[in-house]
Amino acid sequence: IIRRMEKSISIVDNMKKMGVDWNFIANATGLNKQQYEEMQIEYQHLISKPTIPDTAARMSL
């Protein structure tokens, strides 16, 4: 999931840098501006989580 999000965010970022209109970006990627912004937030949340498995985390408590 994280890799797909990275690719989608990267594609949209590159299109934005090229000055591509949001209507075109949405048609090309399936993501509108709001979905893109939500994906960025979710991505940041996912990559900031520790990678310790749940069982190991519970054992350390």
N, C-alpha and C. Protein backbone atom coordinates (compact mmCIF):
# COMPACT_ATOMS: atom_id res chain seq x y z
N ILE A 1 0.83 -1.20 0.00
CA ILE A 1 0.00 0.00 0.00
C ILE A 1 0.87 1.25 0.00
N ILE A 2 1.90 1.27 0.83
CA ILE A 2 2.75 2.45 0.94
C ILE A 2 3.44 2.75 -0.39
N ARG A 3 3.93 1.71 -1.06
CA ARG A 3 4.61 1.91 -2.35
C ARG A 3 3.66 2.49 -3.39
N ARG A 4 2.41 2.00 -3.41
CA ARG A 4 1.44 2.53 -4.37
C ARG A 4 1.14 3.99 -4.06
N MET A 5 1.05 4.31 -2.78
CA MET A 5 0.80 5.70 -2.38
C MET A 5 1.97 6.58 -2.81
N GLU A 6 3.19 6.10 -2.58
CA GLU A 6 4.38 6.87 -2.98
C GLU A 6 4.35 7.16 -4.48
N LYS A 7 4.02 6.14 -5.27
CA LYS A 7 3.98 6.32 -6.72
C LYS A 7 2.91 7.33 -7.12
N SER A 8 1.72 7.19 -6.55
CA SER A 8 0.63 8.11 -6.88
C SER A 8 0.97 9.54 -6.49
N ILE A 9 1.50 9.71 -5.30
CA ILE A 9 1.87 11.06 -4.83
C ILE A 9 2.96 11.64 -5.73
N SER A 10 3.93 10.82 -6.09
CA SER A 10 5.02 11.27 -6.95
C SER A 10 4.50 11.70 -8.33
N ILE A 11 3.60 10.91 -8.89
CA ILE A 11 3.04 11.25 -10.20
C ILE A 11 2.29 12.57 -10.13
N VAL A 12 1.44 12.73 -9.12
CA VAL A 12 0.68 13.98 -8.98
C VAL A 12 1.63 15.15 -8.74
N ASP A 13 2.63 14.96 -7.88
CA ASP A 13 3.61 16.03 -7.63
C ASP A 13 4.28 16.47 -8.92
N ASN A 14 4.71 15.51 -9.73
CA ASN A 14 5.37 15.84 -10.99
C ASN A 14 4.44 16.57 -11.94
N MET A 15 3.19 16.14 -12.00
CA MET A 15 2.22 16.80 -12.87
C MET A 15 1.96 18.23 -12.40
N LYS A 16 1.89 18.41 -11.07
CA LYS A 16 1.68 19.76 -10.53
C LYS A 16 2.86 20.66 -10.86
N LYS A 17 4.09 20.12 -10.75
CA LYS A 17 5.29 20.90 -11.06
C LYS A 17 5.31 21.34 -12.53
N MET A 18 4.70 20.52 -13.38
CA MET A 18 4.64 20.83 -14.81
C MET A 18 3.49 21.79 -15.13
N GLY A 19 2.71 22.14 -14.11
CA GLY A 19 1.61 23.07 -14.31
C GLY A 19 0.35 22.45 -14.89
N VAL A 20 0.22 21.14 -14.73
CA VAL A 20 -0.94 20.44 -15.27
C VAL A 20 -2.18 20.79 -14.44
N ASP A 21 -3.29 21.00 -15.11
CA ASP A 21 -4.56 21.35 -14.48
C ASP A 21 -5.11 20.17 -13.68
N TRP A 22 -5.78 20.49 -12.55
CA TRP A 22 -6.31 19.45 -11.68
C TRP A 22 -7.33 18.56 -12.38
N ASN A 23 -8.09 19.11 -13.32
CA ASN A 23 -9.05 18.27 -14.06
C ASN A 23 -8.32 17.18 -14.83
N PHE A 24 -7.20 17.54 -15.46
CA PHE A 24 -6.41 16.55 -16.19
C PHE A 24 -5.78 15.55 -15.23
N ILE A 25 -5.23 16.05 -14.12
CA ILE A 25 -4.62 15.16 -13.11
C ILE A 25 -5.65 14.15 -12.62
N ALA A 26 -6.85 14.62 -12.31
CA ALA A 26 -7.91 13.74 -11.81
C ALA A 26 -8.28 12.68 -12.85
N ASN A 27 -8.38 13.09 -14.11
CA ASN A 27 -8.71 12.13 -15.17
C ASN A 27 -7.60 11.12 -15.38
N ALA A 28 -6.36 11.56 -15.28
CA ALA A 28 -5.22 10.68 -15.53
C ALA A 28 -4.92 9.74 -14.37
N THR A 29 -5.13 10.21 -13.15
CA THR A 29 -4.73 9.42 -11.97
C THR A 29 -5.89 8.83 -11.19
N GLY A 30 -7.08 9.39 -11.38
CA GLY A 30 -8.23 8.96 -10.58
C GLY A 30 -8.28 9.65 -9.23
N LEU A 31 -7.37 10.59 -8.99
CA LEU A 31 -7.33 11.32 -7.72
C LEU A 31 -7.66 12.78 -7.95
N ASN A 32 -8.65 13.29 -7.21
CA ASN A 32 -8.89 14.73 -7.27
C ASN A 32 -8.03 15.40 -6.20
N LYS A 33 -8.09 16.72 -6.13
CA LYS A 33 -7.21 17.46 -5.21
C LYS A 33 -7.43 17.03 -3.76
N GLN A 34 -8.69 16.87 -3.34
CA GLN A 34 -8.98 16.48 -1.96
C GLN A 34 -8.45 15.08 -1.67
N GLN A 35 -8.66 14.15 -2.58
CA GLN A 35 -8.17 12.78 -2.38
C GLN A 35 -6.64 12.76 -2.30
N TYR A 36 -6.00 13.56 -3.13
CA TYR A 36 -4.54 13.65 -3.12
C TYR A 36 -4.04 14.17 -1.77
N GLU A 37 -4.67 15.24 -1.28
CA GLU A 37 -4.27 15.81 0.01
C GLU A 37 -4.51 14.82 1.15
N GLU A 38 -5.63 14.09 1.10
CA GLU A 38 -5.90 13.07 2.12
C GLU A 38 -4.89 11.94 2.05
N MET A 39 -4.50 11.57 0.82
CA MET A 39 -3.51 10.51 0.64
C MET A 39 -2.16 10.93 1.21
N GLN A 40 -1.78 12.19 1.01
CA GLN A 40 -0.53 12.68 1.57
C GLN A 40 -0.53 12.57 3.09
N ILE A 41 -1.63 12.95 3.72
CA ILE A 41 -1.74 12.88 5.18
C ILE A 41 -1.67 11.44 5.65
N GLU A 42 -2.42 10.55 4.98
CA GLU A 42 -2.41 9.14 5.35
C GLU A 42 -1.02 8.53 5.15
N TYR A 43 -0.36 8.90 4.06
CA TYR A 43 0.99 8.41 3.79
C TYR A 43 1.96 8.83 4.90
N GLN A 44 1.92 10.11 5.27
CA GLN A 44 2.79 10.59 6.34
C GLN A 44 2.51 9.85 7.64
N HIS A 45 1.25 9.59 7.91
CA HIS A 45 0.88 8.86 9.12
C HIS A 45 1.44 7.43 9.08
N LEU A 46 1.32 6.77 7.93
CA LEU A 46 1.79 5.40 7.80
C LEU A 46 3.31 5.29 7.93
N ILE A 47 4.03 6.22 7.33
CA ILE A 47 5.49 6.10 7.39
C ILE A 47 6.06 6.56 8.73
N SER A 48 5.25 7.26 9.52
CA SER A 48 5.74 7.71 10.83
C SER A 48 5.49 6.68 11.92
N LYS A 49 4.70 5.64 11.62
CA LYS A 49 4.44 4.59 12.61
C LYS A 49 5.68 3.73 12.79
N PRO A 50 5.94 3.30 14.02
CA PRO A 50 7.06 2.37 14.22
C PRO A 50 6.77 1.05 13.52
N THR A 51 7.80 0.38 13.06
CA THR A 51 7.62 -0.86 12.32
C THR A 51 7.68 -2.09 13.22
N ILE A 52 7.55 -1.92 14.52
CA ILE A 52 7.57 -3.03 15.47
C ILE A 52 6.24 -3.78 15.36
N PRO A 53 6.29 -5.10 15.18
CA PRO A 53 5.03 -5.86 15.15
C PRO A 53 4.26 -5.71 16.46
N ASP A 54 2.94 -5.83 16.39
CA ASP A 54 2.09 -5.65 17.56
C ASP A 54 2.50 -6.55 18.72
N THR A 55 2.81 -7.79 18.46
CA THR A 55 3.14 -8.71 19.55
C THR A 55 4.41 -8.26 20.27
N ALA A 56 5.40 -7.80 19.54
CA ALA A 56 6.63 -7.32 20.18
C ALA A 56 6.36 -6.06 20.98
N ALA A 57 5.51 -5.19 20.47
CA ALA A 57 5.19 -3.96 21.18
C ALA A 57 4.46 -4.27 22.48
N ARG A 58 3.54 -5.22 22.43
CA ARG A 58 2.80 -5.58 23.65
C ARG A 58 3.71 -6.23 24.68
N MET A 59 4.67 -7.01 24.23
CA MET A 59 5.57 -7.70 25.15
C MET A 59 6.47 -6.71 25.89
N SER A 60 6.74 -5.57 25.27
CA SER A 60 7.64 -4.61 25.90
C SER A 60 6.93 -3.74 26.93
N LEU A 61 5.60 -3.81 26.99
CA LEU A 61 4.84 -3.00 27.94
C LEU A 61 4.92 -3.53 29.31
